[in-house]
Amino acid sequence: MSRVPAFLSAAEVEEHLRSSSLLIPPLETALANFSSGPEGGVMQPVRTVVPVTKHKGYLGVMPAYSAAEDALTTKLVTFYEDRDITSIIPSHQATVLLFEPSNGTLLAVMDGSVITAKRTAAVSAIATKFLKPPSSEVLCILGAGVQAYSHYEIFIEQFSFKEVRIWNRTKENAEKFADTVQGEVRVCSSVQEAVTGADVIITVTLATEPILFGEWVKPGAHINAVGASRPDWRELDDELMKEAVLYVDSQEAALKESGDVLLSGAEIFAELGEVIKGVKPAHCEKTTVFKSLGMAVEDTVAAKLIYDSWSSGK
């Protein structure tokens, strides 16, 4: 008799993953294992992206197996760049499928949007722990969507900033963000105003052309570049990309998917996993960029943690 898979809604995923901080230890291990090559036990191809040309959308397929967790997943994610700004449908939607690795049985179907938001923010927090300036007082967030909220949540948990600033192309959304989150957030009228003097900058925008310029960035600052996930999209200009020490989650993916990397010609210094392992240094005394594209194994780690929590509470 076949087993009926569990179906976990966004609310149920949230319930079993209340804090993104829970993801930090297993994600650090997964990133280090990924950067160890085959002996690390992480098997994942670069994501497959299918253009939905008639509707200016994309379908991404992201499978992975992690031997450390003995977990097998795939994520299906859609992204529509030209949706109506008034639409209640988010630009990104995702579903994660978790399988029993010993026989391929489908164990669970989970809402993937919460998983994506929380694991992405957790990985940015890991990069920031290693790469931020020793004395970091000012945090700046560019963008006011789902990723802005998830990043703010974990960054306020993990770090002590004296000032937080936000900018968004639609100022009303930045003001809503500042009114919604706990803690004081300063709404800025321009990117330059927001980033001037900032120690840590997070870019979580839908920009397709550079919005952050090297001449505005404080020497020694750390940037988590999370948006611009297509090879022809940009968030950061050439000056910043070339002058900063560049870290990525996956070198293979960055050289295929990241417009900031490909179009600037910037040289990748290391994968984040190599820093975690200690085989490459964290140049926190220099200006650093962590280009985050997101990896399937990050979804695997999160899905396994959520499923184990759900199973134990049945």
Protein backbone atom coordinates (compact mmCIF):
# COMPACT_ATOMS: atom_id res chain seq x y z
CA MET A 1 0.00 0.00 0.00
CA SER A 2 1.49 3.32 -1.06
CA ARG A 3 2.14 5.96 1.56
CA VAL A 4 0.24 9.24 1.34
CA PRO A 5 2.70 12.14 1.40
CA ALA A 6 2.37 14.96 3.88
CA PHE A 7 1.23 18.33 2.55
CA LEU A 8 2.63 21.25 4.51
CA SER A 9 1.22 24.72 3.87
CA ALA A 10 3.19 27.95 4.27
CA ALA A 11 1.73 28.35 7.76
CA GLU A 12 2.79 24.82 8.73
CA VAL A 13 6.29 25.33 7.32
CA GLU A 14 6.51 28.56 9.32
CA GLU A 15 5.33 26.74 12.45
CA HIS A 16 8.12 24.18 12.19
CA LEU A 17 10.77 26.73 11.24
CA ARG A 18 9.97 29.62 13.57
CA SER A 19 13.48 31.05 13.45
CA SER A 20 15.83 31.13 10.48
CA SER A 21 18.66 30.87 13.01
CA LEU A 22 17.87 27.16 13.39
CA LEU A 23 19.13 26.71 9.85
CA ILE A 24 22.57 28.22 10.40
CA PRO A 25 24.45 25.17 11.78
CA PRO A 26 23.15 22.63 9.21
CA LEU A 27 23.55 25.13 6.36
CA GLU A 28 27.17 25.83 7.33
CA THR A 29 27.82 22.09 7.20
CA ALA A 30 26.03 21.75 3.85
CA LEU A 31 27.94 24.65 2.29
CA ALA A 32 31.26 23.21 3.48
CA ASN A 33 30.28 19.77 2.18
CA PHE A 34 29.28 21.24 -1.19
CA SER A 35 32.64 22.96 -1.56
CA SER A 36 34.42 19.68 -0.71
CA GLY A 37 33.45 18.16 -4.05
CA PRO A 38 32.16 14.59 -4.40
CA GLU A 39 33.62 13.50 -1.07
CA GLY A 40 31.36 16.06 0.63
CA GLY A 41 28.34 14.00 -0.36
CA VAL A 42 26.32 16.83 -1.92
CA MET A 43 24.97 16.01 -5.37
CA GLN A 44 23.24 18.81 -7.22
CA PRO A 45 23.34 20.09 -10.79
CA VAL A 46 23.06 23.77 -11.66
CA ARG A 47 19.35 24.56 -11.75
CA THR A 48 17.44 24.02 -14.96
CA VAL A 49 15.47 27.11 -16.02
CA VAL A 50 12.62 26.90 -18.53
CA PRO A 51 11.47 30.26 -19.98
CA VAL A 52 7.70 30.76 -20.12
CA THR A 53 8.18 33.15 -23.01
CA LYS A 54 4.56 34.07 -23.69
CA HIS A 55 4.12 35.34 -20.14
CA LYS A 56 7.65 36.57 -19.35
CA GLY A 57 8.11 33.97 -16.66
CA TYR A 58 10.51 31.20 -15.70
CA LEU A 59 10.22 27.74 -14.18
CA GLY A 60 13.28 26.53 -12.28
CA VAL A 61 13.94 22.92 -11.24
CA MET A 62 16.44 22.40 -8.38
CA PRO A 63 17.14 18.77 -7.30
CA ALA A 64 19.70 17.79 -4.65
CA TYR A 65 20.83 14.92 -2.46
CA SER A 66 22.79 15.42 0.76
CA ALA A 67 24.48 12.35 2.23
CA ALA A 68 25.01 14.08 5.59
CA GLU A 69 21.25 14.43 6.10
CA ASP A 70 20.47 11.44 3.87
CA ALA A 71 17.88 13.72 2.29
CA LEU A 72 16.63 13.94 -1.29
CA THR A 73 14.58 16.88 -2.58
CA THR A 74 13.68 18.90 -5.59
CA LYS A 75 12.28 22.41 -5.66
CA LEU A 76 10.05 23.79 -8.37
CA VAL A 77 10.13 27.59 -8.45
CA THR A 78 8.42 30.06 -10.75
CA PHE A 79 9.36 33.70 -11.29
CA TYR A 80 7.38 36.27 -13.28
CA GLU A 81 9.22 39.53 -13.83
CA ASP A 82 6.46 41.69 -15.33
CA ARG A 83 3.53 40.90 -13.06
CA ASP A 84 1.13 43.71 -12.20
CA ILE A 85 2.52 45.58 -9.19
CA THR A 86 -0.96 45.54 -7.63
CA SER A 87 -1.25 41.75 -7.95
CA ILE A 88 -1.61 39.75 -4.75
CA ILE A 89 0.28 36.89 -6.43
CA PRO A 90 3.98 37.03 -5.46
CA SER A 91 6.66 37.27 -8.15
CA HIS A 92 8.25 34.05 -6.84
CA GLN A 93 6.33 30.89 -5.97
CA ALA A 94 7.89 27.59 -4.95
CA THR A 95 7.13 24.03 -3.91
CA VAL A 96 9.62 21.59 -2.34
CA LEU A 97 9.24 17.82 -2.72
CA LEU A 98 10.98 15.63 -0.12
CA PHE A 99 11.64 11.96 -0.99
CA GLU A 100 12.67 8.88 0.97
CA PRO A 101 16.19 8.43 -0.45
CA SER A 102 16.31 4.68 0.07
CA ASN A 103 13.42 3.94 -2.30
CA GLY A 104 12.23 7.20 -3.91
CA THR A 105 8.88 7.41 -2.12
CA LEU A 106 7.46 10.93 -1.93
CA LEU A 107 7.36 11.87 1.77
CA ALA A 108 6.17 15.47 1.69
CA VAL A 109 5.05 18.35 -0.47
CA MET A 110 5.89 21.67 1.16
CA ASP A 111 5.26 25.29 0.39
CA GLY A 112 8.67 26.43 -0.82
CA SER A 113 8.31 30.18 -0.55
CA VAL A 114 8.90 30.30 3.21
CA ILE A 115 11.77 27.82 2.86
CA THR A 116 13.38 29.93 0.12
CA ALA A 117 13.07 33.16 2.08
CA LYS A 118 14.42 31.74 5.33
CA ARG A 119 17.28 29.64 3.96
CA THR A 120 18.46 32.49 1.71
CA ALA A 121 18.53 34.89 4.64
CA ALA A 122 20.32 32.33 6.80
CA VAL A 123 23.06 31.87 4.18
CA SER A 124 23.49 35.67 3.94
CA ALA A 125 23.86 35.74 7.73
CA ILE A 126 26.54 33.05 7.53
CA ALA A 127 28.45 35.05 4.89
CA THR A 128 28.10 38.19 6.98
CA LYS A 129 29.42 36.46 10.11
CA PHE A 130 32.64 35.67 8.27
CA LEU A 131 33.00 38.73 6.02
CA LYS A 132 31.58 41.79 7.81
CA PRO A 133 33.92 44.48 9.17
CA PRO A 134 34.94 43.79 12.79
CA SER A 135 32.95 46.78 14.05
CA SER A 136 29.71 46.88 12.06
CA GLU A 137 27.16 49.44 13.20
CA VAL A 138 25.05 50.31 10.16
CA LEU A 139 22.92 47.81 8.19
CA CYS A 140 21.35 48.83 4.88
CA ILE A 141 18.68 46.86 3.00
CA LEU A 142 17.89 47.69 -0.63
CA GLY A 143 14.46 46.29 -1.50
CA ALA A 144 11.33 45.80 0.60
CA GLY A 145 9.91 42.46 -0.55
CA VAL A 146 9.77 39.04 1.08
CA GLN A 147 13.54 38.66 1.18
CA ALA A 148 13.94 42.03 2.90
CA TYR A 149 11.72 40.85 5.76
CA SER A 150 13.44 37.47 6.13
CA HIS A 151 16.89 39.07 6.08
CA TYR A 152 15.92 41.72 8.62
CA GLU A 153 14.53 39.06 10.96
CA ILE A 154 17.67 36.95 11.12
CA PHE A 155 20.14 39.84 10.96
CA ILE A 156 18.55 41.49 13.98
CA GLU A 157 18.72 38.14 15.80
CA GLN A 158 22.34 37.44 14.89
CA PHE A 159 24.01 40.86 14.92
CA SER A 160 23.93 44.12 16.88
CA PHE A 161 23.50 47.10 14.58
CA LYS A 162 23.04 50.61 15.91
CA GLU A 163 21.19 51.76 12.79
CA VAL A 164 19.14 50.03 10.10
CA ARG A 165 18.24 51.77 6.83
CA ILE A 166 15.99 50.72 3.97
CA TRP A 167 15.43 51.93 0.42
CA ASN A 168 12.90 50.70 -2.11
CA ARG A 169 12.04 51.91 -5.58
CA THR A 170 8.45 52.36 -4.36
CA LYS A 171 8.93 54.40 -1.19
CA GLU A 172 5.52 53.41 0.20
CA ASN A 173 6.70 49.80 0.44
CA ALA A 174 9.80 50.87 2.36
CA GLU A 175 7.62 52.87 4.73
CA LYS A 176 5.32 49.87 5.20
CA PHE A 177 8.38 47.74 5.98
CA ALA A 178 9.58 50.24 8.61
CA ASP A 179 6.12 50.37 10.18
CA THR A 180 5.73 46.57 10.21
CA VAL A 181 8.99 45.22 11.63
CA GLN A 182 10.10 45.40 15.23
CA GLY A 183 12.77 47.99 15.86
CA GLU A 184 13.56 51.37 14.35
CA VAL A 185 14.28 51.49 10.61
CA ARG A 186 15.19 54.66 8.72
CA VAL A 187 13.54 55.02 5.29
CA CYS A 188 15.88 56.59 2.73
CA SER A 189 14.94 58.44 -0.43
CA SER A 190 17.83 57.21 -2.58
CA VAL A 191 20.22 54.30 -2.79
CA GLN A 192 23.16 56.63 -2.26
CA GLU A 193 21.64 58.01 0.94
CA ALA A 194 20.92 54.50 2.19
CA VAL A 195 24.35 52.98 1.57
CA THR A 196 26.65 55.89 2.44
CA GLY A 197 28.65 54.84 5.47
CA ALA A 198 26.89 51.46 5.79
CA ASP A 199 28.98 48.56 7.06
CA VAL A 200 26.73 45.78 5.75
CA ILE A 201 24.53 46.12 2.67
CA ILE A 202 21.89 43.64 1.50
CA THR A 203 20.53 43.93 -2.04
CA VAL A 204 17.23 42.09 -2.46
CA THR A 205 15.71 43.89 -5.45
CA LEU A 206 14.19 43.04 -8.82
CA ALA A 207 16.70 45.31 -10.58
CA THR A 208 17.96 44.33 -14.01
CA GLU A 209 20.48 47.20 -14.23
CA PRO A 210 23.01 48.28 -11.57
CA ILE A 211 21.55 50.26 -8.66
CA LEU A 212 24.53 50.03 -6.27
CA PHE A 213 27.72 51.81 -7.33
CA GLY A 214 31.19 51.28 -5.95
CA GLU A 215 31.84 54.99 -5.46
CA TRP A 216 29.06 55.07 -2.84
CA VAL A 217 30.27 52.08 -0.82
CA LYS A 218 32.38 52.53 2.30
CA PRO A 219 35.81 50.84 1.98
CA GLY A 220 35.72 47.59 3.93
CA ALA A 221 31.95 47.19 3.74
CA HIS A 222 30.35 43.81 3.13
CA ILE A 223 27.60 43.35 0.52
CA ASN A 224 25.20 40.41 0.27
CA ALA A 225 23.98 40.55 -3.34
CA VAL A 226 20.84 38.43 -3.45
CA GLY A 227 18.84 39.74 -6.44
CA ALA A 228 19.77 39.66 -10.15
CA SER A 229 19.58 35.89 -10.52
CA ARG A 230 19.71 35.85 -14.32
CA PRO A 231 22.82 36.10 -16.55
CA ASP A 232 21.66 39.41 -18.06
CA TRP A 233 20.51 41.11 -14.82
CA ARG A 234 22.58 43.36 -12.56
CA GLU A 235 22.37 44.98 -9.12
CA LEU A 236 26.04 46.00 -8.67
CA ASP A 237 28.20 48.06 -11.02
CA ASP A 238 31.52 47.01 -12.54
CA GLU A 239 33.62 49.12 -10.17
CA LEU A 240 32.19 47.45 -7.08
CA MET A 241 32.32 43.95 -8.55
CA LYS A 242 35.94 44.29 -9.67
CA GLU A 243 37.34 46.09 -6.62
CA ALA A 244 35.68 43.91 -3.97
CA VAL A 245 36.81 40.44 -2.95
CA LEU A 246 34.14 38.25 -4.49
CA TYR A 247 32.67 35.21 -2.74
CA VAL A 248 29.88 33.01 -4.14
CA ASP A 249 27.79 30.07 -2.99
CA SER A 250 28.62 28.04 -6.11
CA GLN A 251 31.32 29.00 -8.59
CA GLU A 252 29.75 26.83 -11.29
CA ALA A 253 26.35 28.47 -10.86
CA ALA A 254 27.77 32.00 -10.65
CA LEU A 255 29.60 31.56 -13.96
CA LYS A 256 26.37 30.44 -15.58
CA GLU A 257 23.61 32.45 -13.87
CA SER A 258 24.94 35.69 -12.35
CA GLY A 259 24.84 38.78 -14.53
CA ASP A 260 26.79 40.69 -11.87
CA VAL A 261 29.64 38.20 -12.24
CA LEU A 262 29.46 37.50 -15.97
CA LEU A 263 28.93 41.03 -17.27
CA SER A 264 31.47 42.67 -14.97
CA GLY A 265 34.20 40.12 -15.64
CA ALA A 266 34.94 40.05 -11.91
CA GLU A 267 37.14 37.26 -10.61
CA ILE A 268 35.67 34.89 -8.04
CA PHE A 269 37.95 34.53 -5.02
CA ALA A 270 36.23 31.69 -3.18
CA GLU A 271 33.05 29.81 -2.43
CA LEU A 272 31.53 30.49 0.97
CA GLY A 273 31.92 26.82 1.83
CA GLU A 274 35.68 27.12 1.36
CA VAL A 275 35.73 29.93 3.93
CA ILE A 276 33.67 27.85 6.37
CA LYS A 277 36.12 24.95 5.90
CA GLY A 278 39.08 27.27 6.48
CA VAL A 279 40.76 26.57 3.15
CA LYS A 280 40.22 30.15 1.89
CA PRO A 281 40.53 33.29 4.03
CA ALA A 282 37.72 35.69 4.94
CA HIS A 283 39.05 39.12 3.95
CA CYS A 284 36.87 41.06 6.38
CA GLU A 285 39.38 43.93 6.33
CA LYS A 286 38.56 44.53 2.64
CA THR A 287 35.39 45.37 0.74
CA THR A 288 33.65 42.05 0.12
CA VAL A 289 30.72 40.86 -1.98
CA PHE A 290 28.87 37.62 -1.41
CA LYS A 291 26.91 36.82 -4.57
CA SER A 292 24.04 34.59 -3.48
CA LEU A 293 22.19 32.62 -6.12
CA GLY A 294 20.70 30.01 -3.80
CA MET A 295 21.44 26.29 -4.01
CA ALA A 296 19.20 23.25 -4.02
CA VAL A 297 21.04 21.69 -1.09
CA GLU A 298 19.96 24.65 1.04
CA ASP A 299 16.35 23.69 0.35
CA THR A 300 17.21 20.06 1.16
CA VAL A 301 18.59 20.99 4.57
CA ALA A 302 15.58 23.16 5.39
CA ALA A 303 13.02 20.63 4.16
CA LYS A 304 14.59 17.81 6.17
CA LEU A 305 14.63 19.92 9.33
CA ILE A 306 10.97 20.90 8.85
CA TYR A 307 9.87 17.35 8.04
CA ASP A 308 11.67 15.92 11.09
CA SER A 309 9.99 18.53 13.31
CA TRP A 310 6.59 17.78 11.77
CA SER A 311 7.08 14.00 12.12
CA SER A 312 8.08 14.23 15.78
CA GLY A 313 4.94 16.21 16.57
CA LYS A 314 2.45 13.90 14.86
